[in-house]
Amino acid sequence: MPTRRGVLTAAAVAFPLGALPLGALPAQAQPRSGGTLYLTIDTGWSREAERIAAMLAARQIRATLFLADEPSFRGDRTLDAAWAPFWRARVAEGHGFASHTWRHWYFAADPGPGRVRYASRRNEGGETLDAAALCAELMRPIQALAAMAPGANVLPLWRAPGGITTPNALHLAAGCGLRHQGWSRAGFLGDELDAAAHPNAALLNRALANIRDQDVLMMHWGVRSRRDPLANVLEPMLDGLLARGFRFSVLPPGGIG
């Protein structure tokens, strides 16, 4: 299961993210607290991307955006050239960027020294990566961003799909100069969960009740499977956190946690 900072091992996959407890005290009962939060956004289906970006811009909130070349609601992929205007706008707004892998496959096992098994959950295949191949996988989304939006603030961080890592994946990535960044337990905002079982009102109250100073928050630009997108309550969530005295910041280069 996830640790406090959202790093899973391949052996923990059987305990899904959706099993995290979502109960919370009423948000309005929380006192003003203050501190710094780190909002991170993974690529995902990107259906609500423009809406979410507008909410952040209106509040001058800067996030850290983890990039992968995933299928999008448009029928293309999120790092295709057609997405260049979107990414250029986020660069201009001052967001930070980091790698979420290129293919968004999952790290499954360490078959031997200096190697890690990397496989698709969409029946696209799998392979065993050595150090050079892992570095290439992690650097490719950043190279695609640089071609579309020069001048981006790229951090020496990465995030594994699902937060699932292996010891070799972490070690090999460190050899590329990249540190893994997960998320805080309370920072799992729940946009991947089934909306019937975990309605937006519950996710909103949970976030406002439980998030604390230095938490790393994690969401997506849109999740295909969620019937009631988290974006529908993102404005009151952000406004509630701001009202509690929190400020948002891009992750530091060394990461958090």
Protein backbone atom coordinates (compact mmCIF):
# COMPACT_ATOMS: atom_id res chain seq x y z
CA MET A 1 0.00 0.00 0.00
CA PRO A 2 1.14 3.60 -0.36
CA THR A 3 3.52 4.98 2.19
CA ARG A 4 2.87 8.46 3.51
CA ARG A 5 4.62 9.91 0.49
CA GLY A 6 2.90 7.75 -2.12
CA VAL A 7 5.63 5.29 -3.08
CA LEU A 8 4.48 1.72 -3.65
CA THR A 9 6.54 -1.35 -4.33
CA ALA A 10 5.59 -3.90 -6.96
CA ALA A 11 4.81 -6.39 -4.18
CA ALA A 12 2.14 -4.06 -2.79
CA VAL A 13 0.00 -3.80 -5.91
CA ALA A 14 -2.61 -6.15 -4.46
CA PHE A 15 -3.64 -3.38 -2.03
CA PRO A 16 -5.19 -0.79 -4.37
CA LEU A 17 -5.12 2.96 -4.01
CA GLY A 18 -8.89 2.89 -3.93
CA ALA A 19 -8.76 1.13 -0.56
CA LEU A 20 -7.51 4.27 1.19
CA PRO A 21 -9.95 5.49 3.88
CA LEU A 22 -12.00 8.46 2.74
CA GLY A 23 -13.90 9.39 5.88
CA ALA A 24 -13.36 12.90 7.19
CA LEU A 25 -14.66 15.50 9.56
CA PRO A 26 -16.78 18.29 8.09
CA ALA A 27 -14.49 20.67 6.23
CA GLN A 28 -16.01 23.76 7.85
CA ALA A 29 -14.92 22.52 11.28
CA GLN A 30 -11.24 22.86 10.40
CA PRO A 31 -9.34 25.84 11.84
CA ARG A 32 -7.15 28.14 9.80
CA SER A 33 -3.76 26.45 9.68
CA GLY A 34 -1.42 27.79 7.00
CA GLY A 35 1.70 26.32 5.46
CA THR A 36 2.87 25.18 2.04
CA LEU A 37 1.22 22.59 -0.19
CA TYR A 38 2.60 21.00 -3.35
CA LEU A 39 -0.05 20.26 -5.94
CA THR A 40 1.09 17.72 -8.53
CA ILE A 41 -0.87 16.78 -11.65
CA ASP A 42 -0.34 13.61 -13.68
CA THR A 43 -1.32 13.53 -17.34
CA GLY A 44 -4.24 11.12 -17.44
CA TRP A 45 -7.13 11.33 -19.93
CA SER A 46 -6.88 15.16 -19.87
CA ARG A 47 -10.61 15.68 -20.45
CA GLU A 48 -10.80 18.49 -17.86
CA ALA A 49 -7.35 19.91 -18.58
CA GLU A 50 -8.43 23.35 -19.79
CA ARG A 51 -10.93 23.76 -16.95
CA ILE A 52 -8.39 22.81 -14.32
CA ALA A 53 -5.73 25.05 -15.82
CA ALA A 54 -8.14 28.01 -15.75
CA MET A 55 -8.93 27.39 -12.07
CA LEU A 56 -5.25 27.37 -11.19
CA ALA A 57 -4.49 30.46 -13.24
CA ALA A 58 -7.36 32.41 -11.65
CA ARG A 59 -5.84 31.73 -8.23
CA GLN A 60 -2.21 32.07 -9.34
CA ILE A 61 -1.54 28.52 -8.14
CA ARG A 62 1.57 26.90 -9.56
CA ALA A 63 1.72 23.12 -9.63
CA THR A 64 4.25 20.48 -10.66
CA LEU A 65 3.14 18.63 -13.80
CA PHE A 66 4.29 15.03 -14.33
CA LEU A 67 4.29 14.23 -18.04
CA ALA A 68 3.58 10.98 -19.87
CA ASP A 69 2.50 10.31 -23.45
CA GLU A 70 -0.97 8.94 -22.67
CA PRO A 71 -4.12 8.55 -24.79
CA SER A 72 -6.31 11.64 -24.50
CA PHE A 73 -10.03 12.36 -24.82
CA ARG A 74 -9.33 13.96 -28.21
CA GLY A 75 -8.29 10.65 -29.73
CA ASP A 76 -4.62 11.66 -29.86
CA ARG A 77 -1.89 11.48 -27.22
CA THR A 78 -1.01 14.02 -24.58
CA LEU A 79 2.48 14.79 -25.87
CA ASP A 80 1.52 15.01 -29.54
CA ALA A 81 2.33 18.29 -31.26
CA ALA A 82 -1.37 19.23 -31.13
CA TRP A 83 -0.97 19.67 -27.37
CA ALA A 84 1.90 22.15 -27.72
CA PRO A 85 -0.31 25.25 -27.10
CA PHE A 86 -1.59 23.72 -23.87
CA TRP A 87 1.89 22.94 -22.57
CA ARG A 88 3.32 26.28 -23.69
CA ALA A 89 0.59 28.05 -21.73
CA ARG A 90 1.46 26.08 -18.60
CA VAL A 91 5.14 26.99 -19.02
CA ALA A 92 4.18 30.65 -19.29
CA GLU A 93 2.17 30.37 -16.07
CA GLY A 94 5.24 29.19 -14.17
CA HIS A 95 4.38 25.57 -13.43
CA GLY A 96 7.15 23.04 -12.86
CA PHE A 97 7.55 19.86 -14.91
CA ALA A 98 8.89 16.36 -14.32
CA SER A 99 8.77 12.90 -15.89
CA HIS A 100 5.94 10.41 -15.41
CA THR A 101 7.62 7.98 -17.88
CA TRP A 102 6.98 8.03 -21.63
CA ARG A 103 4.71 5.02 -22.13
CA HIS A 104 3.04 5.02 -18.70
CA TRP A 105 3.75 1.34 -18.22
CA TYR A 106 4.26 -0.16 -14.77
CA PHE A 107 7.35 -1.37 -12.94
CA ALA A 108 6.67 -4.97 -12.02
CA ALA A 109 9.81 -6.73 -10.75
CA ASP A 110 13.59 -6.76 -10.56
CA PRO A 111 14.69 -9.81 -12.61
CA GLY A 112 18.38 -9.29 -11.88
CA PRO A 113 21.04 -6.75 -10.95
CA GLY A 114 20.74 -3.53 -12.92
CA ARG A 115 17.47 -4.53 -14.58
CA VAL A 116 13.78 -3.83 -14.04
CA ARG A 117 10.68 -5.32 -15.63
CA TYR A 118 8.44 -2.69 -17.27
CA ALA A 119 5.05 -3.75 -18.63
CA SER A 120 1.81 -2.34 -20.02
CA ARG A 121 -1.58 -2.81 -18.39
CA ARG A 122 -3.26 -2.20 -21.76
CA ASN A 123 -1.81 -5.33 -23.41
CA GLU A 124 0.80 -3.27 -25.25
CA GLY A 125 3.66 -5.54 -24.22
CA GLY A 126 6.51 -5.44 -21.76
CA GLU A 127 10.28 -5.48 -21.60
CA THR A 128 13.22 -5.58 -19.25
CA LEU A 129 15.08 -2.27 -18.98
CA ASP A 130 18.73 -1.74 -18.18
CA ALA A 131 20.12 1.57 -16.93
CA ALA A 132 20.37 3.19 -20.36
CA ALA A 133 16.88 2.09 -21.40
CA LEU A 134 15.34 3.32 -18.15
CA CYS A 135 17.02 6.71 -18.48
CA ALA A 136 15.75 6.98 -22.07
CA GLU A 137 12.19 6.13 -20.94
CA LEU A 138 12.27 8.78 -18.23
CA MET A 139 13.88 11.51 -20.33
CA ARG A 140 11.71 11.15 -23.42
CA PRO A 141 8.66 13.08 -22.11
CA ILE A 142 10.94 15.92 -21.01
CA GLN A 143 12.57 15.98 -24.44
CA ALA A 144 9.13 16.14 -26.04
CA LEU A 145 8.20 19.05 -23.79
CA ALA A 146 11.44 20.89 -24.63
CA ALA A 147 10.66 20.59 -28.34
CA MET A 148 7.20 22.09 -27.82
CA ALA A 149 7.88 24.58 -25.05
CA PRO A 150 11.49 25.68 -24.61
CA GLY A 151 12.27 27.31 -21.31
CA ALA A 152 10.15 25.00 -19.15
CA ASN A 153 11.14 24.67 -15.49
CA VAL A 154 12.11 20.98 -15.49
CA LEU A 155 12.86 19.42 -12.11
CA PRO A 156 15.19 16.43 -11.53
CA LEU A 157 12.23 14.36 -10.32
CA TRP A 158 10.11 11.51 -11.67
CA ARG A 159 6.98 9.63 -10.69
CA ALA A 160 6.26 6.01 -11.52
CA PRO A 161 2.77 5.21 -12.84
CA GLY A 162 0.59 4.35 -9.88
CA GLY A 163 3.48 5.33 -7.63
CA ILE A 164 4.65 1.72 -8.01
CA THR A 165 8.41 1.31 -7.86
CA THR A 166 10.98 -1.41 -7.34
CA PRO A 167 14.41 -1.07 -5.68
CA ASN A 168 16.14 -1.34 -9.06
CA ALA A 169 13.84 1.25 -10.66
CA LEU A 170 14.69 3.74 -7.92
CA HIS A 171 18.40 2.96 -8.08
CA LEU A 172 18.63 3.14 -11.87
CA ALA A 173 16.65 6.39 -12.00
CA ALA A 174 18.95 7.90 -9.40
CA GLY A 175 21.80 7.07 -11.77
CA CYS A 176 20.03 9.26 -14.35
CA GLY A 177 19.99 12.10 -11.82
CA LEU A 178 16.28 11.70 -10.99
CA ARG A 179 14.64 11.28 -7.58
CA HIS A 180 11.25 9.63 -7.22
CA GLN A 181 8.42 11.85 -5.97
CA GLY A 182 5.26 10.30 -4.58
CA TRP A 183 2.44 11.99 -2.72
CA SER A 184 1.20 12.31 0.85
CA ARG A 185 -1.46 9.96 2.13
CA ALA A 186 -3.87 12.85 2.69
CA GLY A 187 -2.79 14.31 -0.65
CA PHE A 188 -4.34 11.47 -2.65
CA LEU A 189 -7.31 13.50 -3.95
CA GLY A 190 -9.19 10.46 -5.25
CA ASP A 191 -9.95 11.32 -8.86
CA GLU A 192 -9.12 7.74 -9.90
CA LEU A 193 -11.76 6.26 -7.61
CA ASP A 194 -15.26 5.19 -8.58
CA ALA A 195 -17.56 8.20 -8.26
CA ALA A 196 -20.51 6.15 -6.97
CA ALA A 197 -18.51 4.70 -4.09
CA HIS A 198 -16.48 7.87 -3.48
CA PRO A 199 -18.61 10.88 -4.44
CA ASN A 200 -17.10 14.30 -4.92
CA ALA A 201 -18.62 15.67 -1.72
CA ALA A 202 -16.76 13.02 0.29
CA LEU A 203 -13.49 13.70 -1.53
CA LEU A 204 -13.89 17.42 -0.94
CA ASN A 205 -14.53 17.04 2.79
CA ARG A 206 -11.71 14.54 3.15
CA ALA A 207 -9.20 16.88 1.50
CA LEU A 208 -10.22 19.95 3.47
CA ALA A 209 -10.26 18.05 6.76
CA ASN A 210 -7.03 16.11 6.45
CA ILE A 211 -4.48 18.02 4.35
CA ARG A 212 -1.64 19.55 6.34
CA ASP A 213 1.46 21.67 5.83
CA GLN A 214 4.05 20.16 3.44
CA ASP A 215 1.63 17.63 1.96
CA VAL A 216 2.13 16.65 -1.68
CA LEU A 217 -1.25 16.51 -3.44
CA MET A 218 -1.87 14.31 -6.49
CA MET A 219 -4.54 14.52 -9.17
CA HIS A 220 -4.86 14.24 -12.96
CA TRP A 221 -5.88 16.49 -15.83
CA GLY A 222 -8.88 14.15 -16.09
CA VAL A 223 -9.61 10.46 -15.53
CA ARG A 224 -11.63 8.62 -18.17
CA SER A 225 -13.36 6.19 -15.82
CA ARG A 226 -14.68 8.72 -13.31
CA ARG A 227 -18.30 9.61 -14.07
CA ASP A 228 -18.35 12.77 -11.93
CA PRO A 229 -14.97 14.46 -12.50
CA LEU A 230 -13.08 15.81 -9.52
CA ALA A 231 -12.85 19.08 -11.47
CA ASN A 232 -16.50 19.65 -10.51
CA VAL A 233 -15.43 20.31 -6.89
CA LEU A 234 -11.88 21.48 -7.46
CA GLU A 235 -12.76 25.17 -7.07
CA PRO A 236 -14.23 24.81 -3.56
CA MET A 237 -11.36 22.49 -2.68
CA LEU A 238 -8.73 25.03 -3.71
CA ASP A 239 -10.64 27.92 -2.17
CA GLY A 240 -11.11 26.01 1.07
CA LEU A 241 -7.39 25.28 1.32
CA LEU A 242 -6.52 28.88 0.53
CA ALA A 243 -9.00 30.04 3.18
CA ARG A 244 -7.19 27.87 5.71
CA GLY A 245 -4.07 29.92 5.02
CA PHE A 246 -2.23 27.47 2.77
CA ARG A 247 -0.12 28.61 -0.16
CA PHE A 248 0.83 26.45 -3.13
CA SER A 249 4.34 26.02 -4.50
CA VAL A 250 6.17 24.11 -7.20
CA LEU A 251 8.12 21.21 -5.73
CA PRO A 252 11.73 22.00 -4.82
CA PRO A 253 14.38 20.33 -7.00
CA GLY A 254 15.17 17.85 -4.24
CA GLY A 255 11.54 16.82 -3.85
CA ILE A 256 9.55 16.41 -0.63
CA GLY A 257 9.57 13.49 1.76
